Amino acid sequence: MTASAGERLGSGRPGCPAVDNLLGVTSPRILVVQNDPTDDARRLGDWLIGAGAELVTVRPYEGDELPTSLVDFGGFVVLGGEQAAYAGPDGGLAEPWFADLKKLLYSAVGEGVPTLGVCLGGQLLAEACGGRVARSTNGPEIGAGLVAKRDIAEKDPLFGPVAFTPDVLQWHEDEITVLPPGAVQLAASARFPYQAFRVGTRAWGLQFHIECDTAMIAGWAAMSAASLAAIGLDAETVVARCDAAMDDVEDAWRPFAERFVAIIEGRVGTTFLPVIEA
């Protein structure tokens, strides 16, 4: 495992915190799985660290091994990527580590480890728990937009305080088509109904991105200029609209990231939430 710039590997105690020897305080230790070199934790990582968390980033595409359990971590974040979360025509997964990553996600749900899956990470969470992901029949969803929070989300400790129609950044061709058994749908949009969900009491999946900054979006647009043009989108316009939404995205999702850390630390409870039977 490796730690990127700004990440600190604390001494760690089994089960959750790492110890900041300089300050003598404990901080929640979060495992971050980065699936794609172009999609790091970026602003989400900054927000989590700003809330006091320690991030330990694993990059399997560079040869890092996934841990076999989450006993040394208080939280778990799985990031996005251009890969497919589901098996291809030959029955194989897009990446060799996806099978083990799905097992780790399934374990996290069962063990009640606070977990957040972003875009591909949310799709992998859905697949790991019995949901389904497929290429969208509505085409790609790309650029700045809004999602609508469902009424039931008001009772969710992580989503409850989020605005009714928060700003988000979209960049996906696949979508969750079936939620896992017992999952709670938390947000939707007109073309893609499963924009956010909770499975169990402490695992959340997002179809959209909250981690991106303008440079990340610009990099994706540059790599995808031809494919964007093929669906009637101008790369510069996509980047400009995403850039204009960055402050609103931060207003919505920085507090969300801070609440995620608070849940890990036990300052926001989740035990009152029902686990819906399939």
C-alpha atoms as a PDB file:
ATOM      1  CA  MET A   1       0.000   0.000   0.000  1.00  0.00           C
ATOM      2  CA  THR A   2       1.151   3.515  -0.700  1.00  0.00           C
ATOM      3  CA  ALA A   3       0.265   6.941   0.622  1.00  0.00           C
ATOM      4  CA  SER A   4      -0.057   9.866  -1.759  1.00  0.00           C
ATOM      5  CA  ALA A   5       1.028  13.426  -1.071  1.00  0.00           C
ATOM      6  CA  GLY A   6      -0.722  14.844   1.943  1.00  0.00           C
ATOM      7  CA  GLU A   7      -1.700  11.400   3.266  1.00  0.00           C
ATOM      8  CA  ARG A   8      -0.310  10.191   6.570  1.00  0.00           C
ATOM      9  CA  LEU A   9       0.219   6.609   7.645  1.00  0.00           C
ATOM     10  CA  GLY A  10      -0.426   6.617  11.382  1.00  0.00           C
ATOM     11  CA  SER A  11       0.773   3.954  13.788  1.00  0.00           C
ATOM     12  CA  GLY A  12      -2.743   2.544  13.862  1.00  0.00           C
ATOM     13  CA  ARG A  13      -4.674   0.474  16.355  1.00  0.00           C
ATOM     14  CA  PRO A  14      -6.722  -2.537  15.205  1.00  0.00           C
ATOM     15  CA  GLY A  15     -10.273  -1.551  14.440  1.00  0.00           C
ATOM     16  CA  CYS A  16      -9.992   2.109  13.605  1.00  0.00           C
ATOM     17  CA  PRO A  17      -7.811   5.017  14.579  1.00  0.00           C
ATOM     18  CA  ALA A  18      -4.286   5.963  13.810  1.00  0.00           C
ATOM     19  CA  VAL A  19      -2.392   8.005  16.365  1.00  0.00           C
ATOM     20  CA  ASP A  20      -0.955  11.413  15.562  1.00  0.00           C
ATOM     21  CA  ASN A  21       2.164  11.322  17.694  1.00  0.00           C
ATOM     22  CA  LEU A  22       2.707  15.070  17.473  1.00  0.00           C
ATOM     23  CA  LEU A  23      -0.720  16.064  18.710  1.00  0.00           C
ATOM     24  CA  GLY A  24      -1.469  13.055  20.844  1.00  0.00           C
ATOM     25  CA  VAL A  25      -4.954  12.679  19.343  1.00  0.00           C
ATOM     26  CA  THR A  26      -6.612   9.867  17.482  1.00  0.00           C
ATOM     27  CA  SER A  27      -7.853  10.154  13.907  1.00  0.00           C
ATOM     28  CA  PRO A  28     -10.020   7.749  11.936  1.00  0.00           C
ATOM     29  CA  ARG A  29      -8.032   5.772   9.407  1.00  0.00           C
ATOM     30  CA  ILE A  30      -9.739   5.411   6.019  1.00  0.00           C
ATOM     31  CA  LEU A  31      -8.743   2.939   3.322  1.00  0.00           C
ATOM     32  CA  VAL A  32      -9.071   4.557  -0.118  1.00  0.00           C
ATOM     33  CA  VAL A  33      -9.002   2.333  -3.215  1.00  0.00           C
ATOM     34  CA  GLN A  34      -8.070   4.237  -6.369  1.00  0.00           C
ATOM     35  CA  ASN A  35      -9.040   2.199  -9.423  1.00  0.00           C
ATOM     36  CA  ASP A  36      -7.840   4.538 -12.159  1.00  0.00           C
ATOM     37  CA  PRO A  37      -4.783   6.820 -12.386  1.00  0.00           C
ATOM     38  CA  THR A  38      -6.973   9.684 -13.623  1.00  0.00           C
ATOM     39  CA  ASP A  39      -9.439   9.546 -10.700  1.00  0.00           C
ATOM     40  CA  ASP A  40      -7.808  10.141  -7.319  1.00  0.00           C
ATOM     41  CA  ALA A  41      -9.515  11.346  -4.154  1.00  0.00           C
ATOM     42  CA  ARG A  42      -8.681  14.999  -4.953  1.00  0.00           C
ATOM     43  CA  ARG A  43     -11.161  17.364  -3.269  1.00  0.00           C
ATOM     44  CA  LEU A  44     -12.943  14.555  -1.423  1.00  0.00           C
ATOM     45  CA  GLY A  45      -9.585  13.538   0.019  1.00  0.00           C
ATOM     46  CA  ASP A  46      -8.898  17.108   1.095  1.00  0.00           C
ATOM     47  CA  TRP A  47     -12.285  17.315   2.810  1.00  0.00           C
ATOM     48  CA  LEU A  48     -11.794  14.015   4.637  1.00  0.00           C
ATOM     49  CA  ILE A  49      -8.314  15.035   5.801  1.00  0.00           C
ATOM     50  CA  GLY A  50      -9.655  18.454   6.786  1.00  0.00           C
ATOM     51  CA  ALA A  51     -12.210  16.673   8.978  1.00  0.00           C
ATOM     52  CA  GLY A  52      -9.377  14.885  10.753  1.00  0.00           C
ATOM     53  CA  ALA A  53      -9.131  11.586   8.887  1.00  0.00           C
ATOM     54  CA  GLU A  54      -6.002   9.671   7.929  1.00  0.00           C
ATOM     55  CA  LEU A  55      -6.074   8.324   4.359  1.00  0.00           C
ATOM     56  CA  VAL A  56      -4.273   5.180   3.254  1.00  0.00           C
ATOM     57  CA  THR A  57      -4.495   4.892  -0.533  1.00  0.00           C
ATOM     58  CA  VAL A  58      -4.148   1.606  -2.401  1.00  0.00           C
ATOM     59  CA  ARG A  59      -3.577   1.712  -6.163  1.00  0.00           C
ATOM     60  CA  PRO A  60      -4.034  -1.821  -7.532  1.00  0.00           C
ATOM     61  CA  TYR A  61      -3.235  -0.699 -11.097  1.00  0.00           C
ATOM     62  CA  GLU A  62       0.276   0.046  -9.817  1.00  0.00           C
ATOM     63  CA  GLY A  63       0.570  -3.367  -8.216  1.00  0.00           C
ATOM     64  CA  ASP A  64      -0.594  -2.479  -4.693  1.00  0.00           C
ATOM     65  CA  GLU A  65      -2.327  -5.367  -2.953  1.00  0.00           C
ATOM     66  CA  LEU A  66      -5.733  -4.948  -1.381  1.00  0.00           C
ATOM     67  CA  PRO A  67      -5.905  -5.799   2.313  1.00  0.00           C
ATOM     68  CA  THR A  68      -7.780  -8.990   3.071  1.00  0.00           C
ATOM     69  CA  SER A  69      -9.818  -7.310   5.801  1.00  0.00           C
ATOM     70  CA  LEU A  70     -10.696  -3.872   7.134  1.00  0.00           C
ATOM     71  CA  VAL A  71      -9.704  -4.582  10.733  1.00  0.00           C
ATOM     72  CA  ASP A  72      -7.097  -1.801  10.673  1.00  0.00           C
ATOM     73  CA  PHE A  73      -9.453   0.808   9.228  1.00  0.00           C
ATOM     74  CA  GLY A  74     -12.399   2.772  10.498  1.00  0.00           C
ATOM     75  CA  GLY A  75     -13.736   3.685   7.048  1.00  0.00           C
ATOM     76  CA  PHE A  76     -13.567   2.618   3.427  1.00  0.00           C
ATOM     77  CA  VAL A  77     -13.779   4.699   0.222  1.00  0.00           C
ATOM     78  CA  VAL A  78     -13.752   3.246  -3.308  1.00  0.00           C
ATOM     79  CA  LEU A  79     -13.206   5.700  -6.160  1.00  0.00           C
ATOM     80  CA  GLY A  80     -14.224   5.768  -9.814  1.00  0.00           C
ATOM     81  CA  GLY A  81     -12.716   4.860 -13.156  1.00  0.00           C
ATOM     82  CA  GLU A  82     -13.637   4.162 -16.749  1.00  0.00           C
ATOM     83  CA  GLN A  83     -13.806   0.398 -16.217  1.00  0.00           C
ATOM     84  CA  ALA A  84     -16.984  -1.691 -16.102  1.00  0.00           C
ATOM     85  CA  ALA A  85     -18.111  -2.997 -12.719  1.00  0.00           C
ATOM     86  CA  TYR A  86     -19.735  -6.053 -14.283  1.00  0.00           C
ATOM     87  CA  ALA A  87     -18.402  -9.100 -16.100  1.00  0.00           C
ATOM     88  CA  GLY A  88     -17.831  -8.822 -19.846  1.00  0.00           C
ATOM     89  CA  PRO A  89     -18.997 -11.220 -22.579  1.00  0.00           C
ATOM     90  CA  ASP A  90     -16.221 -13.652 -21.658  1.00  0.00           C
ATOM     91  CA  GLY A  91     -17.380 -13.700 -18.037  1.00  0.00           C
ATOM     92  CA  GLY A  92     -14.294 -11.867 -16.786  1.00  0.00           C
ATOM     93  CA  LEU A  93     -14.166  -8.644 -14.801  1.00  0.00           C
ATOM     94  CA  ALA A  94     -12.596  -5.501 -16.231  1.00  0.00           C
ATOM     95  CA  GLU A  95      -9.729  -5.588 -13.729  1.00  0.00           C
ATOM     96  CA  PRO A  96      -8.109  -8.540 -11.952  1.00  0.00           C
ATOM     97  CA  TRP A  97      -8.565  -6.949  -8.529  1.00  0.00           C
ATOM     98  CA  PHE A  98     -12.302  -6.316  -8.871  1.00  0.00           C
ATOM     99  CA  ALA A  99     -13.305  -9.743  -7.538  1.00  0.00           C
ATOM    100  CA  ASP A 100     -11.351  -9.200  -4.313  1.00  0.00           C
ATOM    101  CA  LEU A 101     -12.557  -5.596  -4.098  1.00  0.00           C
ATOM    102  CA  LYS A 102     -16.175  -6.755  -4.300  1.00  0.00           C
ATOM    103  CA  LYS A 103     -15.518  -9.273  -1.523  1.00  0.00           C
ATOM    104  CA  LEU A 104     -14.050  -6.484   0.610  1.00  0.00           C
ATOM    105  CA  LEU A 105     -17.069  -4.271  -0.066  1.00  0.00           C
ATOM    106  CA  TYR A 106     -19.442  -7.092   0.837  1.00  0.00           C
ATOM    107  CA  SER A 107     -17.543  -7.653   4.077  1.00  0.00           C
ATOM    108  CA  ALA A 108     -17.622  -3.937   4.864  1.00  0.00           C
ATOM    109  CA  VAL A 109     -21.415  -3.908   4.613  1.00  0.00           C
ATOM    110  CA  GLY A 110     -21.770  -6.988   6.776  1.00  0.00           C
ATOM    111  CA  GLU A 111     -19.347  -5.682   9.397  1.00  0.00           C
ATOM    112  CA  GLY A 112     -20.856  -2.190   9.502  1.00  0.00           C
ATOM    113  CA  VAL A 113     -17.690  -0.400   8.367  1.00  0.00           C
ATOM    114  CA  PRO A 114     -18.637   3.090   7.127  1.00  0.00           C
ATOM    115  CA  THR A 115     -18.169   2.826   3.367  1.00  0.00           C
ATOM    116  CA  LEU A 116     -18.519   5.214   0.433  1.00  0.00           C
ATOM    117  CA  GLY A 117     -18.427   4.172  -3.227  1.00  0.00           C
ATOM    118  CA  VAL A 118     -18.099   6.939  -5.835  1.00  0.00           C
ATOM    119  CA  CYS A 119     -19.315   6.352  -9.430  1.00  0.00           C
ATOM    120  CA  LEU A 120     -17.541   3.093 -10.381  1.00  0.00           C
ATOM    121  CA  GLY A 121     -17.057   2.556  -6.644  1.00  0.00           C
ATOM    122  CA  GLY A 122     -20.809   2.844  -6.119  1.00  0.00           C
ATOM    123  CA  GLN A 123     -21.437   0.448  -8.987  1.00  0.00           C
ATOM    124  CA  LEU A 124     -18.990  -2.065  -7.506  1.00  0.00           C
ATOM    125  CA  LEU A 125     -20.751  -1.729  -4.135  1.00  0.00           C
ATOM    126  CA  ALA A 126     -24.090  -2.446  -5.809  1.00  0.00           C
ATOM    127  CA  GLU A 127     -22.721  -5.480  -7.650  1.00  0.00           C
ATOM    128  CA  ALA A 128     -20.985  -6.788  -4.528  1.00  0.00           C
ATOM    129  CA  CYS A 129     -24.270  -6.822  -2.604  1.00  0.00           C
ATOM    130  CA  GLY A 130     -26.494  -8.383  -5.254  1.00  0.00           C
ATOM    131  CA  GLY A 131     -27.431  -5.393  -7.414  1.00  0.00           C
ATOM    132  CA  ARG A 132     -26.868  -5.059 -11.138  1.00  0.00           C
ATOM    133  CA  VAL A 133     -24.932  -2.634 -13.336  1.00  0.00           C
ATOM    134  CA  ALA A 134     -25.103  -2.380 -17.142  1.00  0.00           C
ATOM    135  CA  ARG A 135     -24.361  -0.049 -20.030  1.00  0.00           C
ATOM    136  CA  SER A 136     -27.002   2.664 -19.891  1.00  0.00           C
ATOM    137  CA  THR A 137     -29.715   2.541 -22.525  1.00  0.00           C
ATOM    138  CA  ASN A 138     -30.136   6.306 -22.039  1.00  0.00           C
ATOM    139  CA  GLY A 139     -26.609   7.052 -23.209  1.00  0.00           C
ATOM    140  CA  PRO A 140     -23.807   8.751 -21.268  1.00  0.00           C
ATOM    141  CA  GLU A 141     -24.398  11.313 -18.529  1.00  0.00           C
ATOM    142  CA  ILE A 142     -21.616  13.894 -18.575  1.00  0.00           C
ATOM    143  CA  GLY A 143     -21.102  17.316 -17.028  1.00  0.00           C
ATOM    144  CA  ALA A 144     -22.488  19.450 -14.239  1.00  0.00           C
ATOM    145  CA  GLY A 145     -26.040  18.708 -13.143  1.00  0.00           C
ATOM    146  CA  LEU A 146     -28.468  18.211 -10.297  1.00  0.00           C
ATOM    147  CA  VAL A 147     -29.887  15.163  -8.573  1.00  0.00           C
ATOM    148  CA  ALA A 148     -33.043  15.030  -6.458  1.00  0.00           C
ATOM    149  CA  LYS A 149     -32.975  13.654  -2.935  1.00  0.00           C
ATOM    150  CA  ARG A 150     -35.815  11.278  -2.109  1.00  0.00           C
ATOM    151  CA  ASP A 151     -37.999  11.886   0.939  1.00  0.00           C
ATOM    152  CA  ILE A 152     -36.634   8.832   2.763  1.00  0.00           C
ATOM    153  CA  ALA A 153     -33.151  10.358   2.586  1.00  0.00           C
ATOM    154  CA  GLU A 154     -34.205  12.880   5.249  1.00  0.00           C
ATOM    155  CA  LYS A 155     -33.859  10.066   7.788  1.00  0.00           C
ATOM    156  CA  ASP A 156     -30.401   9.084   6.601  1.00  0.00           C
ATOM    157  CA  PRO A 157     -27.561  10.358   8.838  1.00  0.00           C
ATOM    158  CA  LEU A 158     -25.264  11.034   5.899  1.00  0.00           C
ATOM    159  CA  PHE A 159     -27.755  12.311   3.303  1.00  0.00           C
ATOM    160  CA  GLY A 160     -30.310  13.933   5.589  1.00  0.00           C
ATOM    161  CA  PRO A 161     -28.751  17.438   5.653  1.00  0.00           C
ATOM    162  CA  VAL A 162     -27.939  17.457   1.911  1.00  0.00           C
ATOM    163  CA  ALA A 163     -29.962  20.000  -0.102  1.00  0.00           C
ATOM    164  CA  PHE A 164     -33.023  18.684  -1.932  1.00  0.00           C
ATOM    165  CA  THR A 165     -31.388  19.157  -5.370  1.00  0.00           C
ATOM    166  CA  PRO A 166     -27.620  19.272  -4.823  1.00  0.00           C
ATOM    167  CA  ASP A 167     -25.130  20.083  -7.570  1.00  0.00           C
ATOM    168  CA  VAL A 168     -23.087  17.125  -8.779  1.00  0.00           C
ATOM    169  CA  LEU A 169     -20.586  16.246 -11.505  1.00  0.00           C
ATOM    170  CA  GLN A 170     -21.448  13.379 -13.845  1.00  0.00           C
ATOM    171  CA  TRP A 171     -19.230  11.256 -16.059  1.00  0.00           C
ATOM    172  CA  HIS A 172     -20.504   7.737 -16.726  1.00  0.00           C
ATOM    173  CA  GLU A 173     -21.784   5.450 -19.462  1.00  0.00           C
ATOM    174  CA  ASP A 174     -22.860   2.585 -17.198  1.00  0.00           C
ATOM    175  CA  GLU A 175     -25.586   2.744 -14.586  1.00  0.00           C
ATOM    176  CA  ILE A 176     -26.997   0.781 -11.689  1.00  0.00           C
ATOM    177  CA  THR A 177     -30.080  -0.947 -13.068  1.00  0.00           C
ATOM    178  CA  VAL A 178     -31.089  -2.969  -9.968  1.00  0.00           C
ATOM    179  CA  LEU A 179     -30.338  -1.997  -6.385  1.00  0.00           C
ATOM    180  CA  PRO A 180     -29.077  -4.638  -3.951  1.00  0.00           C
ATOM    181  CA  PRO A 181     -31.763  -6.434  -1.928  1.00  0.00           C
ATOM    182  CA  GLY A 182     -32.798  -4.253   0.979  1.00  0.00           C
ATOM    183  CA  ALA A 183     -30.995  -1.164  -0.320  1.00  0.00           C
ATOM    184  CA  VAL A 184     -32.541   2.278   0.187  1.00  0.00           C
ATOM    185  CA  GLN A 185     -32.704   4.642  -2.796  1.00  0.00           C
ATOM    186  CA  LEU A 186     -31.574   8.093  -1.633  1.00  0.00           C
ATOM    187  CA  ALA A 187     -31.350  10.223  -4.788  1.00  0.00           C
ATOM    188  CA  ALA A 188     -32.492  10.081  -8.395  1.00  0.00           C
ATOM    189  CA  SER A 189     -32.508  11.998 -11.661  1.00  0.00           C
ATOM    190  CA  ALA A 190     -34.898  11.926 -14.605  1.00  0.00           C
ATOM    191  CA  ARG A 191     -32.775   9.619 -16.768  1.00  0.00           C
ATOM    192  CA  PHE A 192     -30.938   7.653 -14.085  1.00  0.00           C
ATOM    193  CA  PRO A 193     -33.056   6.643 -11.088  1.00  0.00           C
ATOM    194  CA  TYR A 194     -30.333   5.208  -8.863  1.00  0.00           C
ATOM    195  CA  GLN A 195     -28.070   8.190  -8.280  1.00  0.00           C
ATOM    196  CA  ALA A 196     -27.442   7.346  -4.629  1.00  0.00           C
ATOM    197  CA  PHE A 197     -28.316   4.516  -2.275  1.00  0.00           C
ATOM    198  CA  ARG A 198     -27.543   3.007   1.102  1.00  0.00           C
ATOM    199  CA  VAL A 199     -27.089  -0.718   1.669  1.00  0.00           C
ATOM    200  CA  GLY A 200     -27.062  -1.965   5.244  1.00  0.00           C
ATOM    201  CA  THR A 201     -26.690   0.796   7.807  1.00  0.00           C
ATOM    202  CA  ARG A 202     -23.287   2.282   6.951  1.00  0.00           C
ATOM    203  CA  ALA A 203     -22.501   1.812   3.244  1.00  0.00           C
ATOM    204  CA  TRP A 204     -23.402   4.438   0.649  1.00  0.00           C
ATOM    205  CA  GLY A 205     -23.035   4.432  -3.120  1.00  0.00           C
ATOM    206  CA  LEU A 206     -23.026   7.444  -5.445  1.00  0.00           C
ATOM    207  CA  GLN A 207     -23.454   7.321  -9.223  1.00  0.00           C
ATOM    208  CA  PHE A 208     -22.044  10.837  -9.565  1.00  0.00           C
ATOM    209  CA  HIS A 209     -18.679  12.381  -8.746  1.00  0.00           C
ATOM    210  CA  ILE A 210     -17.929  14.677  -5.818  1.00  0.00           C
ATOM    211  CA  GLU A 211     -14.132  14.335  -5.790  1.00  0.00           C
ATOM    212  CA  CYS A 212     -13.290  16.107  -9.058  1.00  0.00           C
ATOM    213  CA  ASP A 213     -11.687  19.502  -9.448  1.00  0.00           C
ATOM    214  CA  THR A 214     -11.597  21.417 -12.730  1.00  0.00           C
ATOM    215  CA  ALA A 215      -8.192  20.020 -13.688  1.00  0.00           C
ATOM    216  CA  MET A 216      -9.469  16.455 -13.372  1.00  0.00           C
ATOM    217  CA  ILE A 217     -12.530  17.204 -15.517  1.00  0.00           C
ATOM    218  CA  ALA A 218     -10.346  18.977 -18.083  1.00  0.00           C
ATOM    219  CA  GLY A 219      -8.082  15.938 -18.281  1.00  0.00           C
ATOM    220  CA  TRP A 220     -11.022  13.617 -18.886  1.00  0.00           C
ATOM    221  CA  ALA A 221     -12.433  15.971 -21.504  1.00  0.00           C
ATOM    222  CA  ALA A 222      -9.124  16.172 -23.351  1.00  0.00           C
ATOM    223  CA  MET A 223      -8.904  12.391 -23.487  1.00  0.00           C
ATOM    224  CA  SER A 224     -12.535  12.105 -24.600  1.00  0.00           C
ATOM    225  CA  ALA A 225     -12.904  15.046 -26.991  1.00  0.00           C
ATOM    226  CA  ALA A 226     -13.796  12.862 -29.994  1.00  0.00           C
ATOM    227  CA  SER A 227     -16.320  10.732 -28.112  1.00  0.00           C
ATOM    228  CA  LEU A 228     -17.877  13.847 -26.568  1.00  0.00           C
ATOM    229  CA  ALA A 229     -18.271  15.407 -30.013  1.00  0.00           C
ATOM    230  CA  ALA A 230     -19.914  12.196 -31.236  1.00  0.00           C
ATOM    231  CA  ILE A 231     -22.732  12.679 -28.714  1.00  0.00           C
ATOM    232  CA  GLY A 232     -23.066  16.401 -29.389  1.00  0.00           C
ATOM    233  CA  LEU A 233     -20.988  17.760 -26.513  1.00  0.00           C
ATOM    234  CA  ASP A 234     -18.197  20.306 -26.753  1.00  0.00           C
ATOM    235  CA  ALA A 235     -15.288  19.510 -24.444  1.00  0.00           C
ATOM    236  CA  GLU A 236     -14.565  23.154 -23.595  1.00  0.00           C
ATOM    237  CA  THR A 237     -18.202  23.806 -22.751  1.00  0.00           C
ATOM    238  CA  VAL A 238     -18.370  20.722 -20.511  1.00  0.00           C
ATOM    239  CA  VAL A 239     -15.266  21.867 -18.619  1.00  0.00           C
ATOM    240  CA  ALA A 240     -16.519  25.450 -18.299  1.00  0.00           C
ATOM    241  CA  ARG A 241     -19.885  24.358 -16.912  1.00  0.00           C
ATOM    242  CA  CYS A 242     -18.252  21.994 -14.434  1.00  0.00           C
ATOM    243  CA  ASP A 243     -15.853  24.740 -13.357  1.00  0.00           C
ATOM    244  CA  ALA A 244     -18.769  27.109 -12.756  1.00  0.00           C
ATOM    245  CA  ALA A 245     -20.414  24.504 -10.502  1.00  0.00           C
ATOM    246  CA  MET A 246     -17.354  23.756  -8.340  1.00  0.00           C
ATOM    247  CA  ASP A 247     -18.276  26.098  -5.487  1.00  0.00           C
ATOM    248  CA  ASP A 248     -21.830  24.744  -5.327  1.00  0.00           C
ATOM    249  CA  VAL A 249     -20.524  21.168  -5.377  1.00  0.00           C
ATOM    250  CA  GLU A 250     -18.255  21.992  -2.457  1.00  0.00           C
ATOM    251  CA  ASP A 251     -21.093  23.639  -0.538  1.00  0.00           C
ATOM    252  CA  ALA A 252     -23.128  20.423  -0.833  1.00  0.00           C
ATOM    253  CA  TRP A 253     -20.488  17.737  -0.457  1.00  0.00           C
ATOM    254  CA  ARG A 254     -17.790  19.062   1.868  1.00  0.00           C
ATOM    255  CA  PRO A 255     -20.226  18.819   4.826  1.00  0.00           C
ATOM    256  CA  PHE A 256     -21.211  15.378   3.521  1.00  0.00           C
ATOM    257  CA  ALA A 257     -17.563  14.257   3.715  1.00  0.00           C
ATOM    258  CA  GLU A 258     -17.264  15.746   7.190  1.00  0.00           C
ATOM    259  CA  ARG A 259     -20.363  13.809   8.320  1.00  0.00           C
ATOM    260  CA  PHE A 260     -18.835  10.623   6.904  1.00  0.00           C
ATOM    261  CA  VAL A 261     -15.852  11.142   9.214  1.00  0.00           C
ATOM    262  CA  ALA A 262     -18.208  11.907  12.098  1.00  0.00           C
ATOM    263  CA  ILE A 263     -20.002   8.592  11.480  1.00  0.00           C
ATOM    264  CA  ILE A 264     -16.663   6.760  11.573  1.00  0.00           C
ATOM    265  CA  GLU A 265     -15.828   8.471  14.855  1.00  0.00           C
ATOM    266  CA  GLY A 266     -19.240   7.650  16.318  1.00  0.00           C
ATOM    267  CA  ARG A 267     -20.263  11.298  16.642  1.00  0.00           C
ATOM    268  CA  VAL A 268     -23.207  10.635  14.293  1.00  0.00           C
ATOM    269  CA  GLY A 269     -25.090   7.434  15.051  1.00  0.00           C
ATOM    270  CA  THR A 270     -26.539   4.962  12.567  1.00  0.00           C
ATOM    271  CA  THR A 271     -27.937   2.301  14.867  1.00  0.00           C
ATOM    272  CA  PHE A 272     -31.472   3.686  14.607  1.00  0.00           C
ATOM    273  CA  LEU A 273     -31.614   3.021  10.880  1.00  0.00           C
ATOM    274  CA  PRO A 274     -33.692   0.001   9.839  1.00  0.00           C
ATOM    275  CA  VAL A 275     -32.131  -2.659   7.644  1.00  0.00           C
ATOM    276  CA  ILE A 276     -34.841  -3.323   5.094  1.00  0.00           C
ATOM    277  CA  GLU A 277     -35.462  -6.982   4.415  1.00  0.00           C
ATOM    278  CA  ALA A 278     -35.297  -8.141   0.794  1.00  0.00           C
END
